Amino acid sequence: MWASSLLCSEGKQTLAVPSSKEELVHAITGEYDKLVRDLARVPAEQVREKSLPGHKANTLMSPADLLAYLLGWSELILTWHEQRDAGIEPSFPASGYNWNQLGDLAQQFYRDYASLSWTELLDRFNAAESRVLSLVLKMSDEDLYGKPWYGKYTAGRMIQLNTSSPYANARRRIRSWLRENNL
């Protein structure tokens, strides 16, 4: 199980970075389950209200945009692995974007999923999370953590950096937003 808990810079307890398939599955499912419970508290009439700090400096996003961001990253993970399995080297982080353009990529995710209702976003996020978990479950510890997959990062670390970590960050954002809106 988890080797140890760590304290982050704010003094809050956080789980260690997963280093096995079991730990990765636990991290993804645990953070996902907590996040979805909090997202269920967002009132339908406020899902498109742009009142959260955006992923790009000096922008605002809605709870639906935040969910679109998470969905976008989950679907990117799946695309990366599908491309690799087909013998194609993926464009990282996404075609047309560099790592120093993540705010712009976030804005693209907001646009990509803007036509989906809140329920459709939640359903698609659930489906993407299930597909990511299926991907992880098909992989061995060696596949996930035995060798670099992208640069110095293992496949497991790349999956964790784009699932459980942003899920935890999104949950902090949503919980703060819920408190600020007395919800």
N, C-alpha and C. Protein backbone atom coordinates (compact mmCIF):
# COMPACT_ATOMS: atom_id res chain seq x y z
N MET A 1 0.85 -1.18 0.00
CA MET A 1 0.00 0.00 0.00
C MET A 1 0.88 1.23 0.00
N TRP A 2 0.38 2.35 0.41
CA TRP A 2 1.13 3.59 0.39
C TRP A 2 2.32 3.49 1.32
N ALA A 3 3.46 3.85 0.78
CA ALA A 3 4.69 3.78 1.57
C ALA A 3 4.59 4.71 2.77
N SER A 4 4.11 5.90 2.54
CA SER A 4 3.97 6.85 3.63
C SER A 4 3.13 8.01 3.17
N SER A 5 2.69 8.80 4.11
CA SER A 5 2.01 10.04 3.79
C SER A 5 3.04 11.15 3.86
N LEU A 6 2.80 12.17 3.09
CA LEU A 6 3.69 13.31 3.07
C LEU A 6 2.92 14.54 3.51
N LEU A 7 3.63 15.56 3.94
CA LEU A 7 3.00 16.83 4.23
C LEU A 7 3.36 17.78 3.11
N CYS A 8 2.34 18.41 2.52
CA CYS A 8 2.62 19.38 1.47
C CYS A 8 3.00 20.71 2.10
N SER A 9 3.33 21.70 1.30
CA SER A 9 3.84 22.97 1.80
C SER A 9 2.84 23.68 2.71
N GLU A 10 1.53 23.41 2.55
CA GLU A 10 0.54 24.04 3.42
C GLU A 10 0.35 23.25 4.72
N GLY A 11 1.10 22.18 4.91
CA GLY A 11 1.00 21.40 6.13
C GLY A 11 -0.12 20.38 6.11
N LYS A 12 -0.79 20.22 4.98
CA LYS A 12 -1.88 19.24 4.87
C LYS A 12 -1.30 17.90 4.48
N GLN A 13 -1.92 16.86 4.99
CA GLN A 13 -1.44 15.52 4.66
C GLN A 13 -1.85 15.16 3.25
N THR A 14 -0.94 14.58 2.49
CA THR A 14 -1.20 14.16 1.13
C THR A 14 -0.60 12.77 0.94
N LEU A 15 -1.17 12.01 0.03
CA LEU A 15 -0.66 10.66 -0.20
C LEU A 15 0.61 10.72 -1.03
N ALA A 16 1.45 9.74 -0.82
CA ALA A 16 2.69 9.63 -1.59
C ALA A 16 2.37 9.36 -3.06
N VAL A 17 3.31 9.65 -3.91
CA VAL A 17 3.16 9.40 -5.34
C VAL A 17 3.09 7.89 -5.54
N PRO A 18 2.08 7.40 -6.27
CA PRO A 18 1.98 5.96 -6.50
C PRO A 18 3.22 5.41 -7.20
N SER A 19 3.59 4.20 -6.82
CA SER A 19 4.74 3.54 -7.46
C SER A 19 4.43 2.10 -7.86
N SER A 20 3.15 1.75 -7.81
CA SER A 20 2.72 0.42 -8.26
C SER A 20 1.33 0.54 -8.86
N LYS A 21 0.93 -0.47 -9.59
CA LYS A 21 -0.40 -0.48 -10.19
C LYS A 21 -1.48 -0.37 -9.11
N GLU A 22 -1.33 -1.12 -8.04
CA GLU A 22 -2.31 -1.09 -6.95
C GLU A 22 -2.44 0.32 -6.38
N GLU A 23 -1.32 0.97 -6.14
CA GLU A 23 -1.35 2.33 -5.59
C GLU A 23 -1.96 3.32 -6.58
N LEU A 24 -1.66 3.15 -7.87
CA LEU A 24 -2.21 4.04 -8.88
C LEU A 24 -3.73 3.88 -8.98
N VAL A 25 -4.21 2.66 -9.01
CA VAL A 25 -5.65 2.42 -9.04
C VAL A 25 -6.31 3.04 -7.81
N HIS A 26 -5.72 2.84 -6.66
CA HIS A 26 -6.25 3.41 -5.42
C HIS A 26 -6.28 4.94 -5.48
N ALA A 27 -5.23 5.55 -5.99
CA ALA A 27 -5.17 7.01 -6.08
C ALA A 27 -6.23 7.54 -7.04
N ILE A 28 -6.35 6.93 -8.20
CA ILE A 28 -7.32 7.40 -9.19
C ILE A 28 -8.74 7.25 -8.66
N THR A 29 -9.08 6.05 -8.19
CA THR A 29 -10.46 5.82 -7.74
C THR A 29 -10.80 6.63 -6.49
N GLY A 30 -9.86 6.74 -5.58
CA GLY A 30 -10.12 7.51 -4.36
C GLY A 30 -10.37 8.98 -4.65
N GLU A 31 -9.50 9.59 -5.45
CA GLU A 31 -9.68 11.01 -5.77
C GLU A 31 -10.91 11.23 -6.64
N TYR A 32 -11.15 10.34 -7.58
CA TYR A 32 -12.33 10.44 -8.45
C TYR A 32 -13.61 10.39 -7.61
N ASP A 33 -13.72 9.40 -6.73
CA ASP A 33 -14.93 9.24 -5.93
C ASP A 33 -15.22 10.48 -5.09
N LYS A 34 -14.18 11.04 -4.47
CA LYS A 34 -14.38 12.24 -3.65
C LYS A 34 -14.79 13.43 -4.52
N LEU A 35 -14.15 13.58 -5.66
CA LEU A 35 -14.47 14.69 -6.56
C LEU A 35 -15.90 14.61 -7.05
N VAL A 36 -16.33 13.44 -7.49
CA VAL A 36 -17.68 13.29 -8.03
C VAL A 36 -18.73 13.60 -6.97
N ARG A 37 -18.48 13.23 -5.73
CA ARG A 37 -19.42 13.57 -4.65
C ARG A 37 -19.56 15.09 -4.53
N ASP A 38 -18.45 15.81 -4.64
CA ASP A 38 -18.50 17.26 -4.54
C ASP A 38 -19.13 17.89 -5.78
N LEU A 39 -18.87 17.34 -6.95
CA LEU A 39 -19.47 17.87 -8.17
C LEU A 39 -20.99 17.70 -8.14
N ALA A 40 -21.46 16.67 -7.49
CA ALA A 40 -22.90 16.44 -7.38
C ALA A 40 -23.59 17.54 -6.58
N ARG A 41 -22.83 18.30 -5.81
CA ARG A 41 -23.39 19.39 -5.00
C ARG A 41 -23.52 20.70 -5.78
N VAL A 42 -23.00 20.75 -6.99
CA VAL A 42 -23.07 21.97 -7.80
C VAL A 42 -24.50 22.12 -8.33
N PRO A 43 -25.16 23.24 -8.00
CA PRO A 43 -26.53 23.44 -8.49
C PRO A 43 -26.57 23.57 -10.02
N ALA A 44 -27.56 22.96 -10.63
CA ALA A 44 -27.68 22.96 -12.09
C ALA A 44 -27.65 24.38 -12.66
N GLU A 45 -28.24 25.32 -11.97
CA GLU A 45 -28.31 26.69 -12.49
C GLU A 45 -26.96 27.42 -12.40
N GLN A 46 -25.96 26.81 -11.76
CA GLN A 46 -24.66 27.48 -11.62
C GLN A 46 -23.52 26.75 -12.34
N VAL A 47 -23.81 25.69 -13.06
CA VAL A 47 -22.73 24.91 -13.68
C VAL A 47 -21.98 25.69 -14.75
N ARG A 48 -22.60 26.69 -15.37
CA ARG A 48 -21.95 27.48 -16.43
C ARG A 48 -21.54 28.87 -15.94
N GLU A 49 -21.65 29.10 -14.64
CA GLU A 49 -21.28 30.39 -14.06
C GLU A 49 -19.76 30.49 -13.99
N LYS A 50 -19.19 31.45 -14.69
CA LYS A 50 -17.73 31.62 -14.74
C LYS A 50 -17.29 32.42 -13.51
N SER A 51 -17.04 31.69 -12.43
CA SER A 51 -16.67 32.33 -11.17
C SER A 51 -15.50 31.64 -10.46
N LEU A 52 -14.88 30.69 -11.12
CA LEU A 52 -13.69 30.01 -10.59
C LEU A 52 -12.46 30.55 -11.33
N PRO A 53 -11.31 30.67 -10.65
CA PRO A 53 -10.10 31.04 -11.39
C PRO A 53 -9.81 30.00 -12.47
N GLY A 54 -9.53 30.46 -13.68
CA GLY A 54 -9.27 29.57 -14.80
C GLY A 54 -7.88 28.99 -14.75
N HIS A 55 -7.62 28.09 -15.69
CA HIS A 55 -6.31 27.45 -15.78
C HIS A 55 -5.30 28.31 -16.52
N LYS A 56 -5.74 29.42 -17.07
CA LYS A 56 -4.88 30.39 -17.73
C LYS A 56 -4.94 31.67 -16.92
N ALA A 57 -3.83 32.35 -16.78
CA ALA A 57 -3.76 33.57 -15.98
C ALA A 57 -4.84 34.57 -16.40
N ASN A 58 -5.43 35.19 -15.40
CA ASN A 58 -6.43 36.25 -15.59
C ASN A 58 -7.67 35.81 -16.34
N THR A 59 -8.06 34.54 -16.16
CA THR A 59 -9.30 34.05 -16.77
C THR A 59 -10.17 33.43 -15.68
N LEU A 60 -11.43 33.31 -16.00
CA LEU A 60 -12.37 32.64 -15.13
C LEU A 60 -12.95 31.44 -15.87
N MET A 61 -13.36 30.46 -15.10
CA MET A 61 -14.01 29.28 -15.66
C MET A 61 -15.21 28.93 -14.80
N SER A 62 -16.05 28.10 -15.37
CA SER A 62 -17.23 27.60 -14.66
C SER A 62 -16.93 26.20 -14.12
N PRO A 63 -17.79 25.69 -13.24
CA PRO A 63 -17.64 24.28 -12.85
C PRO A 63 -17.67 23.34 -14.06
N ALA A 64 -18.48 23.66 -15.07
CA ALA A 64 -18.52 22.84 -16.28
C ALA A 64 -17.18 22.89 -17.01
N ASP A 65 -16.54 24.07 -17.04
CA ASP A 65 -15.22 24.18 -17.67
C ASP A 65 -14.19 23.34 -16.91
N LEU A 66 -14.27 23.36 -15.58
CA LEU A 66 -13.35 22.56 -14.77
C LEU A 66 -13.52 21.07 -15.10
N LEU A 67 -14.75 20.64 -15.22
CA LEU A 67 -15.01 19.25 -15.56
C LEU A 67 -14.53 18.95 -16.98
N ALA A 68 -14.71 19.89 -17.91
CA ALA A 68 -14.23 19.72 -19.28
C ALA A 68 -12.70 19.57 -19.30
N TYR A 69 -12.02 20.33 -18.46
CA TYR A 69 -10.56 20.24 -18.35
C TYR A 69 -10.14 18.83 -17.93
N LEU A 70 -10.78 18.31 -16.90
CA LEU A 70 -10.46 16.96 -16.42
C LEU A 70 -10.78 15.90 -17.47
N LEU A 71 -11.89 16.07 -18.14
CA LEU A 71 -12.28 15.15 -19.20
C LEU A 71 -11.27 15.20 -20.34
N GLY A 72 -10.85 16.41 -20.70
CA GLY A 72 -9.87 16.56 -21.77
C GLY A 72 -8.58 15.82 -21.49
N TRP A 73 -8.08 15.95 -20.27
CA TRP A 73 -6.83 15.25 -19.91
C TRP A 73 -7.02 13.74 -19.88
N SER A 74 -8.15 13.28 -19.35
CA SER A 74 -8.40 11.83 -19.33
C SER A 74 -8.44 11.27 -20.74
N GLU A 75 -9.10 11.99 -21.63
CA GLU A 75 -9.18 11.51 -23.01
C GLU A 75 -7.83 11.62 -23.72
N LEU A 76 -7.01 12.59 -23.35
CA LEU A 76 -5.66 12.68 -23.90
C LEU A 76 -4.83 11.45 -23.52
N ILE A 77 -4.92 11.05 -22.25
CA ILE A 77 -4.20 9.84 -21.81
C ILE A 77 -4.56 8.66 -22.70
N LEU A 78 -5.84 8.49 -22.92
CA LEU A 78 -6.31 7.37 -23.74
C LEU A 78 -5.79 7.49 -25.18
N THR A 79 -5.80 8.69 -25.71
CA THR A 79 -5.28 8.92 -27.07
C THR A 79 -3.80 8.61 -27.15
N TRP A 80 -3.02 9.06 -26.16
CA TRP A 80 -1.58 8.77 -26.16
C TRP A 80 -1.33 7.27 -26.24
N HIS A 81 -2.05 6.52 -25.42
CA HIS A 81 -1.84 5.07 -25.37
C HIS A 81 -2.34 4.38 -26.64
N GLU A 82 -3.46 4.84 -27.17
CA GLU A 82 -3.96 4.27 -28.43
C GLU A 82 -2.96 4.52 -29.55
N GLN A 83 -2.41 5.73 -29.60
CA GLN A 83 -1.42 6.04 -30.64
C GLN A 83 -0.16 5.20 -30.47
N ARG A 84 0.34 5.10 -29.25
CA ARG A 84 1.53 4.28 -29.01
C ARG A 84 1.28 2.83 -29.42
N ASP A 85 0.09 2.31 -29.06
CA ASP A 85 -0.24 0.93 -29.42
C ASP A 85 -0.30 0.73 -30.94
N ALA A 86 -0.61 1.81 -31.68
CA ALA A 86 -0.68 1.74 -33.14
C ALA A 86 0.68 2.06 -33.78
N GLY A 87 1.71 2.25 -32.95
CA GLY A 87 3.04 2.54 -33.47
C GLY A 87 3.26 3.98 -33.85
N ILE A 88 2.39 4.87 -33.38
CA ILE A 88 2.48 6.30 -33.67
C ILE A 88 2.98 7.01 -32.41
N GLU A 89 3.98 7.86 -32.57
CA GLU A 89 4.46 8.64 -31.42
C GLU A 89 3.52 9.82 -31.21
N PRO A 90 2.87 9.92 -30.05
CA PRO A 90 1.93 11.00 -29.80
C PRO A 90 2.62 12.37 -29.76
N SER A 91 1.85 13.39 -30.05
CA SER A 91 2.29 14.76 -29.83
C SER A 91 1.97 15.09 -28.37
N PHE A 92 2.98 15.48 -27.63
CA PHE A 92 2.76 15.80 -26.22
C PHE A 92 2.84 17.30 -26.02
N PRO A 93 1.97 17.88 -25.24
CA PRO A 93 0.83 17.24 -24.58
C PRO A 93 -0.32 16.93 -25.53
N ALA A 94 -0.49 17.76 -26.57
CA ALA A 94 -1.53 17.52 -27.57
C ALA A 94 -1.08 18.17 -28.87
N SER A 95 -1.63 17.71 -29.96
CA SER A 95 -1.27 18.25 -31.26
C SER A 95 -1.51 19.77 -31.27
N GLY A 96 -0.47 20.51 -31.64
CA GLY A 96 -0.57 21.97 -31.71
C GLY A 96 -0.24 22.69 -30.42
N TYR A 97 0.10 21.95 -29.36
CA TYR A 97 0.39 22.58 -28.06
C TYR A 97 1.73 22.08 -27.52
N ASN A 98 2.44 22.98 -26.87
CA ASN A 98 3.67 22.64 -26.15
C ASN A 98 3.35 22.66 -24.67
N TRP A 99 4.26 22.13 -23.87
CA TRP A 99 4.05 22.09 -22.41
C TRP A 99 3.93 23.48 -21.81
N ASN A 100 4.48 24.50 -22.44
CA ASN A 100 4.37 25.86 -21.90
C ASN A 100 3.08 26.54 -22.35
N GLN A 101 2.18 25.79 -22.99
CA GLN A 101 0.89 26.33 -23.45
C GLN A 101 -0.29 25.62 -22.79
N LEU A 102 -0.10 25.15 -21.58
CA LEU A 102 -1.16 24.38 -20.93
C LEU A 102 -2.41 25.21 -20.64
N GLY A 103 -2.24 26.50 -20.38
CA GLY A 103 -3.40 27.37 -20.19
C GLY A 103 -4.24 27.46 -21.46
N ASP A 104 -3.56 27.55 -22.61
CA ASP A 104 -4.27 27.57 -23.89
C ASP A 104 -4.95 26.23 -24.15
N LEU A 105 -4.29 25.15 -23.80
CA LEU A 105 -4.89 23.82 -23.96
C LEU A 105 -6.14 23.70 -23.09
N ALA A 106 -6.07 24.21 -21.88
CA ALA A 106 -7.24 24.20 -21.00
C ALA A 106 -8.41 24.95 -21.65
N GLN A 107 -8.11 26.11 -22.22
CA GLN A 107 -9.15 26.88 -22.91
C GLN A 107 -9.75 26.07 -24.07
N GLN A 108 -8.91 25.31 -24.75
CA GLN A 108 -9.39 24.45 -25.84
C GLN A 108 -10.34 23.37 -25.30
N PHE A 109 -9.98 22.77 -24.17
CA PHE A 109 -10.86 21.78 -23.55
C PHE A 109 -12.21 22.40 -23.21
N TYR A 110 -12.20 23.62 -22.66
CA TYR A 110 -13.47 24.28 -22.33
C TYR A 110 -14.34 24.39 -23.59
N ARG A 111 -13.72 24.80 -24.71
CA ARG A 111 -14.46 24.95 -25.97
C ARG A 111 -14.92 23.60 -26.51
N ASP A 112 -14.03 22.59 -26.44
CA ASP A 112 -14.34 21.28 -27.00
C ASP A 112 -15.60 20.66 -26.39
N TYR A 113 -15.83 20.92 -25.12
CA TYR A 113 -16.94 20.27 -24.42
C TYR A 113 -18.06 21.24 -24.04
N ALA A 114 -18.03 22.45 -24.56
CA ALA A 114 -19.00 23.48 -24.20
C ALA A 114 -20.43 23.11 -24.57
N SER A 115 -20.60 22.30 -25.59
CA SER A 115 -21.96 21.95 -26.04
C SER A 115 -22.59 20.84 -25.20
N LEU A 116 -21.81 20.21 -24.35
CA LEU A 116 -22.35 19.12 -23.53
C LEU A 116 -23.06 19.68 -22.30
N SER A 117 -24.17 19.06 -21.95
CA SER A 117 -24.87 19.43 -20.71
C SER A 117 -24.04 18.95 -19.52
N TRP A 118 -24.37 19.42 -18.34
CA TRP A 118 -23.69 19.00 -17.12
C TRP A 118 -23.77 17.48 -16.97
N THR A 119 -24.96 16.94 -17.20
CA THR A 119 -25.15 15.49 -17.09
C THR A 119 -24.29 14.75 -18.11
N GLU A 120 -24.25 15.27 -19.34
CA GLU A 120 -23.42 14.64 -20.37
C GLU A 120 -21.94 14.72 -20.02
N LEU A 121 -21.51 15.86 -19.47
CA LEU A 121 -20.12 15.99 -19.03
C LEU A 121 -19.79 14.97 -17.96
N LEU A 122 -20.67 14.86 -16.97
CA LEU A 122 -20.43 13.90 -15.88
C LEU A 122 -20.40 12.47 -16.42
N ASP A 123 -21.31 12.15 -17.32
CA ASP A 123 -21.35 10.79 -17.90
C ASP A 123 -20.08 10.51 -18.70
N ARG A 124 -19.67 11.47 -19.48
CA ARG A 124 -18.48 11.27 -20.31
C ARG A 124 -17.22 11.20 -19.44
N PHE A 125 -17.17 12.01 -18.39
CA PHE A 125 -16.05 11.96 -17.45
C PHE A 125 -16.00 10.59 -16.78
N ASN A 126 -17.14 10.08 -16.38
CA ASN A 126 -17.22 8.75 -15.77
C ASN A 126 -16.72 7.68 -16.75
N ALA A 127 -17.15 7.78 -17.99
CA ALA A 127 -16.72 6.79 -19.00
C ALA A 127 -15.22 6.88 -19.24
N ALA A 128 -14.68 8.09 -19.30
CA ALA A 128 -13.24 8.27 -19.51
C ALA A 128 -12.45 7.72 -18.33
N GLU A 129 -12.92 7.99 -17.13
CA GLU A 129 -12.24 7.48 -15.93
C GLU A 129 -12.25 5.95 -15.93
N SER A 130 -13.37 5.36 -16.33
CA SER A 130 -13.46 3.90 -16.40
C SER A 130 -12.50 3.34 -17.44
N ARG A 131 -12.38 4.02 -18.57
CA ARG A 131 -11.46 3.57 -19.62
C ARG A 131 -10.01 3.70 -19.17
N VAL A 132 -9.69 4.78 -18.45
CA VAL A 132 -8.33 4.94 -17.93
C VAL A 132 -8.03 3.82 -16.94
N LEU A 133 -8.98 3.53 -16.06
CA LEU A 133 -8.77 2.44 -15.10
C LEU A 133 -8.60 1.10 -15.82
N SER A 134 -9.38 0.85 -16.86
CA SER A 134 -9.22 -0.38 -17.64
C SER A 134 -7.83 -0.46 -18.25
N LEU A 135 -7.35 0.67 -18.76
CA LEU A 135 -6.00 0.73 -19.32
C LEU A 135 -4.97 0.36 -18.25
N VAL A 136 -5.08 0.97 -17.09
CA VAL A 136 -4.14 0.70 -16.00
C VAL A 136 -4.20 -0.77 -15.59
N LEU A 137 -5.40 -1.30 -15.47
CA LEU A 137 -5.56 -2.69 -15.02
C LEU A 137 -4.98 -3.69 -16.02
N LYS A 138 -4.92 -3.33 -17.30
CA LYS A 138 -4.34 -4.21 -18.32
C LYS A 138 -2.82 -4.18 -18.29
N MET A 139 -2.26 -3.17 -17.66
CA MET A 139 -0.81 -3.00 -17.64
C MET A 139 -0.21 -3.67 -16.41
N SER A 140 1.02 -4.08 -16.51
CA SER A 140 1.73 -4.65 -15.37
C SER A 140 2.45 -3.53 -14.62
N ASP A 141 2.94 -3.86 -13.43
CA ASP A 141 3.78 -2.89 -12.70
C ASP A 141 4.99 -2.50 -13.54
N GLU A 142 5.55 -3.47 -14.27
CA GLU A 142 6.70 -3.19 -15.15
C GLU A 142 6.31 -2.21 -16.25
N ASP A 143 5.14 -2.42 -16.88
CA ASP A 143 4.66 -1.50 -17.92
C ASP A 143 4.47 -0.10 -17.36
N LEU A 144 3.93 -0.03 -16.16
CA LEU A 144 3.59 1.27 -15.56
C LEU A 144 4.80 1.98 -14.96
N TYR A 145 5.70 1.24 -14.32
CA TYR A 145 6.76 1.89 -13.55
C TYR A 145 8.17 1.37 -13.83
N GLY A 146 8.32 0.43 -14.75
CA GLY A 146 9.62 -0.20 -14.97
C GLY A 146 10.58 0.54 -15.88
N LYS A 147 10.04 1.48 -16.66
CA LYS A 147 10.91 2.18 -17.61
C LYS A 147 10.27 3.52 -17.97
N PRO A 148 11.07 4.45 -18.45
CA PRO A 148 10.50 5.73 -18.89
C PRO A 148 9.52 5.50 -20.05
N TRP A 149 8.46 6.25 -20.04
CA TRP A 149 7.44 6.16 -21.09
C TRP A 149 7.43 7.43 -21.94
N TYR A 150 7.63 8.57 -21.25
CA TYR A 150 7.76 9.86 -21.93
C TYR A 150 8.83 10.65 -21.20
N GLY A 151 9.93 10.92 -21.89
CA GLY A 151 11.05 11.59 -21.22
C GLY A 151 11.50 10.75 -20.04
N LYS A 152 11.59 11.40 -18.88
CA LYS A 152 11.99 10.68 -17.67
C LYS A 152 10.80 10.05 -16.94
N TYR A 153 9.58 10.31 -17.42
CA TYR A 153 8.38 9.86 -16.72
C TYR A 153 7.93 8.47 -17.16
N THR A 154 7.55 7.67 -16.19
CA THR A 154 6.98 6.35 -16.48
C THR A 154 5.52 6.54 -16.93
N ALA A 155 4.97 5.50 -17.52
CA ALA A 155 3.55 5.55 -17.91
C ALA A 155 2.67 5.78 -16.69
N GLY A 156 2.98 5.11 -15.60
CA GLY A 156 2.19 5.29 -14.38
C GLY A 156 2.23 6.72 -13.87
N ARG A 157 3.39 7.32 -13.91
CA ARG A 157 3.52 8.71 -13.45
C ARG A 157 2.77 9.66 -14.38
N MET A 158 2.84 9.44 -15.68
CA MET A 158 2.10 10.29 -16.62
C MET A 158 0.60 10.15 -16.40
N ILE A 159 0.13 8.95 -16.13
CA ILE A 159 -1.29 8.75 -15.87
C ILE A 159 -1.68 9.45 -14.57
N GLN A 160 -0.88 9.28 -13.54
CA GLN A 160 -1.18 9.90 -12.25
C GLN A 160 -1.16 11.42 -12.35
N LEU A 161 -0.21 11.98 -13.07
CA LEU A 161 -0.10 13.44 -13.22
C LEU A 161 -1.30 14.03 -13.94
N ASN A 162 -2.03 13.20 -14.67
CA ASN A 162 -3.16 13.70 -15.45
C ASN A 162 -4.51 13.11 -15.03
N THR A 163 -4.53 12.43 -13.87
CA THR A 163 -5.79 11.92 -13.32
C THR A 163 -5.88 12.29 -11.84
N SER A 164 -5.32 11.49 -10.97
CA SER A 164 -5.53 11.69 -9.53
C SER A 164 -5.02 13.04 -9.04
N SER A 165 -3.90 13.52 -9.56
CA SER A 165 -3.40 14.84 -9.12
C SER A 165 -4.36 15.96 -9.51
N PRO A 166 -4.77 16.07 -10.79
CA PRO A 166 -5.72 17.12 -11.11
C PRO A 166 -7.10 16.90 -10.49
N TYR A 167 -7.48 15.65 -10.22
CA TYR A 167 -8.75 15.41 -9.52
C TYR A 167 -8.69 16.05 -8.13
N ALA A 168 -7.58 15.86 -7.43
CA ALA A 168 -7.43 16.43 -6.09
C ALA A 168 -7.43 17.95 -6.16
N ASN A 169 -6.74 18.51 -7.14
CA ASN A 169 -6.71 19.96 -7.31
C ASN A 169 -8.12 20.49 -7.62
N ALA A 170 -8.82 19.82 -8.51
CA ALA A 170 -10.17 20.24 -8.87
C ALA A 170 -11.10 20.16 -7.67
N ARG A 171 -10.92 19.15 -6.86
CA ARG A 171 -11.77 19.01 -5.67
C ARG A 171 -11.54 20.17 -4.71
N ARG A 172 -10.27 20.58 -4.53
CA ARG A 172 -10.00 21.74 -3.67
C ARG A 172 -10.68 22.99 -4.23
N ARG A 173 -10.61 23.16 -5.54
CA ARG A 173 -11.24 24.32 -6.18
C ARG A 173 -12.76 24.30 -6.00
N ILE A 174 -13.38 23.15 -6.27
CA ILE A 174 -14.84 23.03 -6.16
C ILE A 174 -15.29 23.20 -4.72
N ARG A 175 -14.58 22.60 -3.77
CA ARG A 175 -14.97 22.73 -2.37
C ARG A 175 -14.89 24.18 -1.92
N SER A 176 -13.85 24.88 -2.34
CA SER A 176 -13.72 26.30 -2.02
C SER A 176 -14.87 27.09 -2.65
N TRP A 177 -15.17 26.81 -3.90
CA TRP A 177 -16.27 27.48 -4.60
C TRP A 177 -17.60 27.20 -3.91
N LEU A 178 -17.83 25.96 -3.51
CA LEU A 178 -19.06 25.61 -2.80
C LEU A 178 -19.18 26.41 -1.49
N ARG A 179 -18.07 26.51 -0.75
CA ARG A 179 -18.08 27.28 0.50
C ARG A 179 -18.38 28.75 0.23
N GLU A 180 -17.70 29.32 -0.76
CA GLU A 180 -17.89 30.74 -1.10
C GLU A 180 -19.32 31.03 -1.52
N ASN A 181 -19.99 30.04 -2.10
CA ASN A 181 -21.37 30.21 -2.55
C ASN A 181 -22.38 29.65 -1.55
N ASN A 182 -21.91 29.35 -0.33
CA ASN A 182 -22.78 28.83 0.73
C ASN A 182 -23.60 27.63 0.28
N LEU A 183 -22.91 26.70 -0.39
CA LEU A 183 -23.59 25.50 -0.90
C LEU A 183 -23.12 24.25 -0.18
